[in-house]
Amino acid sequence: MSEPLLKVDDMSVSFKTDAGDVRAVSNVSFEISPGEVLAVVGESGSGKSVTALALMRLHPKNTETTGQVMFDGMNLLDLPEPQIRSIRGRDIAMIFQDPMTALNPVFSVGEQIVEAIRIHNDVSKADAWAKVVDLLQLVGVPEPKQRAAQYPHEYSGGMRQRAMIAMAICNDPKLLIADEPTTALDVTVQAQVMEVLHDVQEATGSAMMLITHDLGLVAGSADRVQVMYASRLMERGSTDEIFYESRNPYTRALLASIPDLESVKDKLDSIPGNPPSLLNPPSGCAFRPRCSMSVPQCAEAVPELVAFGGNHASRCHLATEIDITTGVNA
């Protein structure tokens, strides 16, 4: 296996607020190899997007980030701001979940992508504009020459997301971070956007970190999956291990909540309760109050990650006792 492009070691992210410190990411470790797609899955507030923003050093000043984020042999957390700015958009690019707020409404889509190109490359505006047209065509925007001159409000939701993908890949990044790229899109457009992402990732050879709350979205897209809950990594493994051999109650509950066209149910399965407050998390395992398998030990200590060979690991006191032959997708 090739050397990791990105290696995150024991990273934690805390926000200082008037109400107290909020630990949004707790001791997370993972890696991404060149050309690989890693999906990061979990409910809102699990720490997925905070993790991605920490990699890009895009958090506000009230943030404390510890650990190591090694990218191409450099610890991104130690780099001076001018150097990290040169990496953003060139070596690591991000597709934000709301393109309407990520795009500037007073500049045309083409002008914004031209600026992203020229910040990192010594090229003329004419050459950059020609590349914009090619990029918009690559991501499936019809009539790209005319569309490049239009403004974000003149694009549909799906077209805006395609424009964001074009902007993200304009400098051939080594790592592409897609943060909830299909949020607020209908099912048909979601499938189209995911197909564009897949085609672009294969064409450029970029590694990709795909952040989503929807496990069903990653089934045919990711090489590996990691599941987060209340700031912690709960389970990681290959896509098949997560879908068919899960050893974590939270992952299994997420899988059970995916609609299944082959079975008839009166209502969809759901996870009872709500995610905990990060200001005042429960003792022990954060999923304990919602877990159907909870035992007294779960309240006493945060479980360690239990390894099951390869990259598969689960954070659960009962991980070794879960019968994977009764998996929800078996």
Foldseek 3Di string as FASTA:
>chain_A
DDDFQKWFFQKWKWFQDPLGIFTQAGGDTDTFHFLFEEEEAEDPSQNQVVVVCVLLVNDDPRMDMDGFIAGPRDGLVPDDPVVSVLCELAAEYEQDQQLVVVFDQVAFLLVVLLVSLVVNDVDDSVVSSVLQLVLLVLLPNPPSNVNRRHGPVVDDRLSSLSSSVSSSCSNLHQEYEYANSCPPHDPVSLVSNLVSVQVVSVVSRHYYYYYDNQLVSCLPPGQKYWYGALNYTFKIDGSCCLQQVDLGQVSLQNNQQDDDPVDDDPDGRHFPDDQDRSSDAQAADSCQVRGPPHDPVRRHHFFDWADDPDRTTGRDPCSVVDDSVVGPND
